[in-house]
């Protein structure tokens, strides 16, 4: 969330300052788009890397347990844990999408109010 907020501030600043200083909206939009794209790539790669790290740790811990500490460990338990992890990730993504829709609706209402005032 911190990366998203900081990138939104940087994109807004780049778009606004480049229009005033360089005199062209094309340069402003290009710089803002490059910054937004880089921030989106950073967020996407970090999300995927954290998910893969957690699944890797889960598998390594399971095989460590299966190697001799617990005799009745089977692969079914590991598969159930991975399926539960995937279900949890899907649920979080669903709620994130719904939350993003709420924020988008709030931004639309704010823009409508500004348009009516002006």
Protein backbone atom coordinates (compact mmCIF):
# COMPACT_ATOMS: atom_id res chain seq x y z
CA UNK A 1 0.00 0.00 0.00
CA UNK A 2 2.90 2.32 0.77
CA UNK A 3 4.44 1.73 -2.68
CA UNK A 4 1.10 2.36 -4.37
CA UNK A 5 0.53 5.59 -2.47
CA UNK A 6 4.02 6.93 -3.13
CA UNK A 7 3.81 6.02 -6.81
CA UNK A 8 0.46 7.78 -7.13
CA UNK A 9 2.01 10.92 -5.64
CA UNK A 10 4.99 10.71 -8.00
CA UNK A 11 2.80 10.14 -11.06
CA UNK A 12 0.61 13.12 -10.18
CA UNK A 13 3.63 15.33 -9.56
CA UNK A 14 5.29 14.31 -12.82
CA UNK A 15 2.15 14.90 -14.85
CA UNK A 16 1.49 18.28 -13.27
CA UNK A 17 5.05 19.63 -13.22
CA UNK A 18 5.91 18.53 -16.75
CA UNK A 19 2.83 20.25 -18.19
CA UNK A 20 3.81 23.54 -16.55
CA UNK A 21 7.59 23.40 -17.09
CA UNK A 22 7.97 21.68 -20.46
CA UNK A 23 4.81 23.04 -22.01
CA UNK A 24 3.56 19.79 -23.46
CA UNK A 25 1.02 17.31 -22.24
CA UNK A 26 2.62 14.57 -24.36
CA UNK A 27 5.87 14.70 -22.38
CA UNK A 28 3.95 14.91 -19.12
CA UNK A 29 1.83 11.87 -19.89
CA UNK A 30 4.86 9.90 -21.11
CA UNK A 31 6.80 10.54 -17.90
CA UNK A 32 3.76 9.82 -15.74
CA UNK A 33 3.03 6.59 -17.64
CA UNK A 34 6.61 5.36 -17.29
CA UNK A 35 6.51 5.96 -13.55
CA UNK A 36 3.12 4.29 -13.15
CA UNK A 37 4.23 1.31 -15.23
CA UNK A 38 7.42 0.88 -13.18
CA UNK A 39 5.45 1.03 -9.93
CA UNK A 40 2.97 -1.54 -11.23
CA UNK A 41 5.81 -3.85 -12.23
CA UNK A 42 7.39 -3.52 -8.78
CA UNK A 43 4.08 -4.32 -7.07
CA UNK A 44 3.36 -7.28 -9.35
CA UNK A 45 6.81 -8.83 -8.99
CA UNK A 46 6.82 -8.36 -5.22
CA UNK A 47 3.39 -9.98 -4.87
CA UNK A 48 4.36 -13.00 -6.95
CA UNK A 49 7.74 -13.37 -5.25
CA UNK A 50 6.20 -13.33 -1.76
CA UNK A 51 3.63 -15.94 -2.82
CA UNK A 52 6.32 -18.20 -4.29
CA UNK A 53 8.48 -17.74 -1.19
CA UNK A 54 5.65 -18.83 1.11
CA UNK A 55 4.82 -21.88 -1.02
CA UNK A 56 8.52 -22.83 -1.16
CA UNK A 57 8.82 -22.55 2.63
CA UNK A 58 5.68 -24.65 3.03
CA UNK A 59 7.06 -27.42 0.80
CA UNK A 60 10.53 -27.37 2.41
CA UNK A 61 9.06 -27.53 5.92
CA UNK A 62 6.78 -30.37 4.90
CA UNK A 63 9.63 -32.42 3.40
CA UNK A 64 11.73 -31.71 6.50
CA UNK A 65 8.91 -33.05 8.66
CA UNK A 66 8.44 -36.04 6.35
CA UNK A 67 12.16 -36.87 6.38
CA UNK A 68 12.06 -38.43 9.82
CA UNK A 69 10.35 -36.42 12.51
CA UNK A 70 6.79 -37.57 11.79
CA UNK A 71 6.14 -41.06 10.43
CA UNK A 72 2.58 -40.64 9.17
CA UNK A 73 3.09 -37.54 6.98
CA UNK A 74 1.64 -38.01 3.51
CA UNK A 75 1.46 -35.94 0.34
CA UNK A 76 -2.29 -35.39 0.72
CA UNK A 77 -1.71 -33.02 3.62
CA UNK A 78 0.75 -30.98 1.58
CA UNK A 79 -1.67 -30.75 -1.34
CA UNK A 80 -4.49 -29.66 0.98
CA UNK A 81 -2.27 -26.94 2.43
CA UNK A 82 -1.29 -25.67 -1.02
CA UNK A 83 -4.94 -25.69 -2.12
CA UNK A 84 -5.89 -23.74 1.01
CA UNK A 85 -3.15 -21.23 0.31
CA UNK A 86 -4.45 -20.77 -3.23
CA UNK A 87 -8.01 -20.35 -1.99
CA UNK A 88 -6.85 -17.72 0.51
CA UNK A 89 -4.96 -15.84 -2.20
CA UNK A 90 -8.01 -15.87 -4.45
CA UNK A 91 -10.20 -14.56 -1.63
CA UNK A 92 -7.78 -11.73 -0.88
CA UNK A 93 -7.66 -10.83 -4.58
CA UNK A 94 -11.47 -10.78 -4.69
CA UNK A 95 -11.72 -8.46 -1.71
CA UNK A 96 -8.95 -6.26 -3.14
CA UNK A 97 -10.90 -5.92 -6.36
CA UNK A 98 -14.08 -5.01 -4.49
CA UNK A 99 -12.16 -2.49 -2.36
CA UNK A 100 -10.62 -0.96 -5.48
CA UNK A 101 -14.10 -0.54 -6.93
CA UNK A 102 -15.19 1.30 -3.80
CA UNK A 103 -12.23 3.68 -4.03
CA UNK A 104 -12.88 4.23 -7.72
CA UNK A 105 -16.51 5.09 -7.00
CA UNK A 106 -15.40 7.56 -4.31
CA UNK A 107 -12.97 9.18 -6.76
CA UNK A 108 -15.72 9.47 -9.38
CA UNK A 109 -18.03 11.15 -6.88
CA UNK A 110 -15.25 13.56 -5.89
CA UNK A 111 -14.55 14.41 -9.53
CA UNK A 112 -18.25 15.02 -10.15
CA UNK A 113 -18.44 17.36 -7.19
CA UNK A 114 -15.37 19.30 -8.37
CA UNK A 115 -16.86 19.53 -11.85
CA UNK A 116 -20.11 20.95 -10.45
CA UNK A 117 -18.27 23.50 -8.32
CA UNK A 118 -16.17 24.70 -11.25
